[in-house]
N, C-alpha and C. Protein backbone atom coordinates (compact mmCIF):
# COMPACT_ATOMS: atom_id res chain seq x y z
N MET A 1 -21.89 -29.87 -3.62
CA MET A 1 -21.56 -28.73 -3.30
C MET A 1 -20.10 -29.31 -3.37
N ASN A 2 -19.24 -28.10 -3.15
CA ASN A 2 -17.99 -28.42 -3.65
C ASN A 2 -17.20 -28.45 -2.31
N ASP A 3 -16.08 -29.03 -1.41
CA ASP A 3 -15.93 -29.26 -0.79
C ASP A 3 -14.23 -28.68 -0.53
N ALA A 4 -13.45 -28.53 -1.51
CA ALA A 4 -12.17 -27.87 -1.66
C ALA A 4 -12.48 -26.31 -0.67
N ARG A 5 -13.68 -25.53 -1.33
CA ARG A 5 -13.39 -24.31 -0.31
C ARG A 5 -13.52 -24.43 1.34
N PRO A 6 -14.04 -25.06 1.97
CA PRO A 6 -14.01 -25.23 3.33
C PRO A 6 -12.79 -25.62 3.57
N ASP A 7 -12.04 -26.68 3.14
CA ASP A 7 -10.52 -26.89 3.27
C ASP A 7 -9.98 -25.37 2.90
N ARG A 8 -9.97 -24.87 1.88
CA ARG A 8 -9.14 -24.08 1.65
C ARG A 8 -9.63 -22.74 2.82
N GLN A 9 -10.71 -22.79 2.85
CA GLN A 9 -10.75 -21.18 4.20
C GLN A 9 -10.22 -21.71 5.40
N SER A 10 -10.24 -22.92 5.84
CA SER A 10 -9.88 -23.44 7.27
C SER A 10 -8.18 -23.37 6.86
N LYS A 11 -7.50 -23.54 5.45
CA LYS A 11 -6.33 -22.94 5.86
C LYS A 11 -5.82 -22.00 5.55
N PHE A 12 -6.75 -21.20 5.45
CA PHE A 12 -6.00 -19.90 5.22
C PHE A 12 -6.45 -19.11 6.82
N ALA A 13 -7.52 -19.86 7.53
CA ALA A 13 -7.69 -19.31 8.64
C ALA A 13 -7.01 -20.05 9.89
N ARG A 14 -6.03 -20.90 9.18
CA ARG A 14 -5.17 -21.50 10.65
C ARG A 14 -3.72 -20.49 10.17
N TYR A 15 -3.45 -20.11 8.92
CA TYR A 15 -2.15 -19.32 8.29
C TYR A 15 -2.63 -18.25 9.21
N ARG A 16 -3.37 -17.40 9.23
CA ARG A 16 -4.10 -16.38 9.88
C ARG A 16 -3.96 -16.57 11.12
N ALA A 17 -4.26 -17.40 12.32
CA ALA A 17 -4.48 -17.43 13.51
C ALA A 17 -2.95 -17.55 13.98
N ARG A 18 -2.22 -18.76 13.29
CA ARG A 18 -0.52 -18.93 13.45
C ARG A 18 0.14 -17.42 13.34
N LYS A 19 -0.38 -16.88 12.25
CA LYS A 19 0.59 -15.23 12.40
C LYS A 19 -0.08 -14.64 13.42
N LYS A 20 -1.61 -14.52 14.00
CA LYS A 20 -1.56 -13.33 14.81
C LYS A 20 -1.17 -13.87 15.98
N ALA A 21 -0.84 -15.64 16.32
CA ALA A 21 -0.41 -15.81 17.54
C ALA A 21 1.30 -15.21 17.74
N ASN A 22 1.85 -15.16 16.41
CA ASN A 22 2.99 -14.56 16.97
C ASN A 22 2.91 -12.81 16.70
N GLY A 23 1.83 -12.04 17.09
CA GLY A 23 2.13 -10.67 17.47
C GLY A 23 2.07 -10.13 16.46
N LEU A 24 1.43 -10.75 15.24
CA LEU A 24 1.29 -9.86 13.73
C LEU A 24 -0.07 -10.03 13.31
N ARG A 25 -0.39 -8.84 12.92
CA ARG A 25 -1.82 -8.54 12.21
C ARG A 25 -1.73 -8.01 10.58
N GLU A 26 -2.98 -8.80 10.62
CA GLU A 26 -3.34 -8.42 9.29
C GLU A 26 -2.96 -7.63 8.94
N PHE A 27 -2.71 -6.90 7.25
CA PHE A 27 -3.09 -5.43 6.67
C PHE A 27 -3.38 -5.66 4.80
N ARG A 28 -4.48 -5.32 4.34
CA ARG A 28 -4.11 -5.16 2.99
C ARG A 28 -4.49 -3.90 2.46
N MET A 29 -3.87 -3.65 1.42
CA MET A 29 -4.12 -2.09 1.04
C MET A 29 -3.93 -2.27 -0.54
N TRP A 30 -4.93 -1.34 -0.98
CA TRP A 30 -5.17 -1.29 -2.47
C TRP A 30 -4.33 -0.23 -2.69
N VAL A 31 -3.49 -0.60 -4.27
CA VAL A 31 -2.52 0.34 -5.21
C VAL A 31 -2.98 0.35 -6.16
N PRO A 32 -2.16 1.62 -6.55
CA PRO A 32 -2.31 1.81 -8.29
C PRO A 32 -1.67 0.70 -9.26
N ASP A 33 -2.62 0.66 -10.25
CA ASP A 33 -2.00 -0.96 -10.56
C ASP A 33 -1.53 -0.23 -12.06
N VAL A 34 -0.02 -0.46 -11.70
CA VAL A 34 1.11 0.28 -13.13
C VAL A 34 0.72 -0.20 -14.40
N ASN A 35 0.37 -1.02 -14.73
CA ASN A 35 -0.25 -1.73 -15.71
C ASN A 35 -0.90 -1.10 -16.79
N ALA A 36 -2.18 -0.64 -15.64
CA ALA A 36 -3.37 0.08 -16.28
C ALA A 36 -3.39 1.09 -17.18
N SER A 37 -4.18 0.81 -18.42
CA SER A 37 -3.78 1.87 -19.69
C SER A 37 -3.56 3.08 -19.19
N ASP A 38 -4.62 3.65 -18.14
CA ASP A 38 -4.73 5.14 -17.99
C ASP A 38 -3.65 5.48 -17.35
N PHE A 39 -2.58 4.46 -16.12
CA PHE A 39 -1.94 4.82 -15.16
C PHE A 39 -1.17 5.97 -15.27
N GLN A 40 -0.09 5.92 -16.43
CA GLN A 40 0.83 6.99 -16.54
C GLN A 40 -0.10 8.40 -17.17
N GLU A 41 -1.62 8.58 -17.68
CA GLU A 41 -2.04 9.43 -17.92
C GLU A 41 -2.91 10.39 -16.44
N ARG A 42 -2.83 9.23 -15.56
CA ARG A 42 -3.43 9.84 -14.28
C ARG A 42 -2.16 10.17 -13.50
N LEU A 43 -1.05 9.78 -13.17
CA LEU A 43 0.10 10.57 -12.66
C LEU A 43 0.55 11.08 -12.74
N ASN A 44 0.90 11.53 -14.39
CA ASN A 44 0.93 12.84 -14.92
C ASN A 44 0.04 13.74 -14.21
N ASP A 45 -1.09 13.81 -14.48
CA ASP A 45 -2.42 14.54 -13.93
C ASP A 45 -1.50 15.40 -12.59
N GLN A 46 -1.65 14.04 -11.75
CA GLN A 46 -1.06 14.12 -10.09
C GLN A 46 -0.37 15.04 -10.32
N ILE A 47 0.66 14.60 -10.78
CA ILE A 47 2.09 15.88 -10.50
C ILE A 47 2.33 16.97 -11.02
N ALA A 48 0.96 17.20 -12.50
CA ALA A 48 0.83 18.71 -12.28
C ALA A 48 -0.20 19.23 -11.53
N ARG A 49 -0.39 18.71 -10.98
CA ARG A 49 -2.10 19.18 -9.91
C ARG A 49 -0.99 19.66 -8.64
N ILE A 50 0.39 18.95 -8.09
CA ILE A 50 0.98 18.66 -6.67
C ILE A 50 2.47 19.98 -7.53
N ASN A 51 2.73 20.00 -8.42
CA ASN A 51 3.56 21.38 -9.11
C ASN A 51 2.59 22.49 -9.12
N ALA A 52 1.48 22.76 -9.55
CA ALA A 52 0.85 24.12 -9.80
C ALA A 52 0.52 24.50 -8.03
N SER A 53 0.15 23.65 -7.48
CA SER A 53 -0.07 23.86 -6.23
C SER A 53 0.56 25.03 -5.59
N GLU A 54 0.29 25.94 -4.85
CA GLU A 54 0.67 27.04 -4.20
C GLU A 54 1.58 26.64 -3.06
N ASP A 55 1.33 25.05 -2.30
CA ASP A 55 1.74 24.03 -0.88
C ASP A 55 2.60 23.26 -1.21
N GLU A 56 3.01 23.11 -3.09
CA GLU A 56 3.70 22.40 -3.60
C GLU A 56 4.99 21.93 -2.74
N ARG A 57 5.90 23.01 -2.42
CA ARG A 57 7.30 23.57 -1.65
C ARG A 57 6.70 22.73 -0.35
N GLU A 58 5.90 23.07 -0.09
CA GLU A 58 5.55 22.33 1.57
C GLU A 58 5.11 21.28 1.69
N VAL A 59 4.15 20.36 0.48
CA VAL A 59 4.11 19.16 0.91
C VAL A 59 5.25 18.12 0.14
N MET A 60 5.92 18.66 -0.31
CA MET A 60 7.36 17.86 -0.90
C MET A 60 8.49 17.67 0.16
N ILE A 61 8.63 18.95 0.91
CA ILE A 61 9.41 19.21 1.99
C ILE A 61 8.61 17.94 2.95
N PHE A 62 7.60 17.99 3.33
CA PHE A 62 6.95 16.83 4.27
C PHE A 62 6.84 15.66 3.68
N CYS A 63 6.81 15.34 2.52
CA CYS A 63 7.17 14.11 1.60
C CYS A 63 8.55 13.13 1.77
N GLU A 64 9.32 14.63 1.97
CA GLU A 64 10.88 13.80 1.52
C GLU A 64 11.23 13.69 3.26
N ALA A 65 11.06 14.12 4.15
CA ALA A 65 11.15 13.84 5.45
C ALA A 65 10.48 12.82 6.01
N ALA A 66 9.25 12.33 5.73
CA ALA A 66 8.53 11.43 6.46
C ALA A 66 9.03 9.78 5.64
N ALA A 67 9.74 10.31 3.91
CA ALA A 67 10.48 8.96 3.29
C ALA A 67 11.71 9.11 4.20
N GLU A 68 12.10 10.22 4.57
CA GLU A 68 13.54 10.20 5.38
C GLU A 68 13.68 8.77 6.32
N GLU A 69 12.31 9.77 7.20
CA GLU A 69 12.49 9.03 8.21
C GLU A 69 12.02 7.76 8.67
N MET A 70 11.48 7.45 7.41
CA MET A 70 10.98 5.55 7.16
C MET A 70 12.45 4.71 6.36
N TRP A 71 13.21 5.08 5.95
CA TRP A 71 14.13 4.35 5.64
C TRP A 71 15.11 4.62 6.42
N ARG A 72 15.72 5.65 7.11
CA ARG A 72 16.40 5.50 8.48
C ARG A 72 15.55 4.46 9.42
N ASP A 73 14.29 4.46 9.85
CA ASP A 73 13.75 3.58 10.54
C ASP A 73 14.01 1.80 10.26
N LEU A 74 13.77 1.56 8.55
CA LEU A 74 14.57 0.39 8.16
C LEU A 74 16.27 0.17 8.91
N ASP A 75 17.04 0.74 8.90
CA ASP A 75 18.24 0.55 9.29
C ASP A 75 18.79 0.09 10.45
């Protein structure tokens, strides 16, 4: 059995415990891989769908307002 694995797990467990003690919560998110061979094709498809949508203007107003609020909160 490899002894490095338990040490590594406990190292990360200690790290997470310190972060939690400091009032932080772990958050993981999957995001698109911009280096994937089909990324640009998928992005163009999604943009075309948004542009063709009857609700496109409403969606863009919502997205822009959300982004503006996020940036304002960063100041």
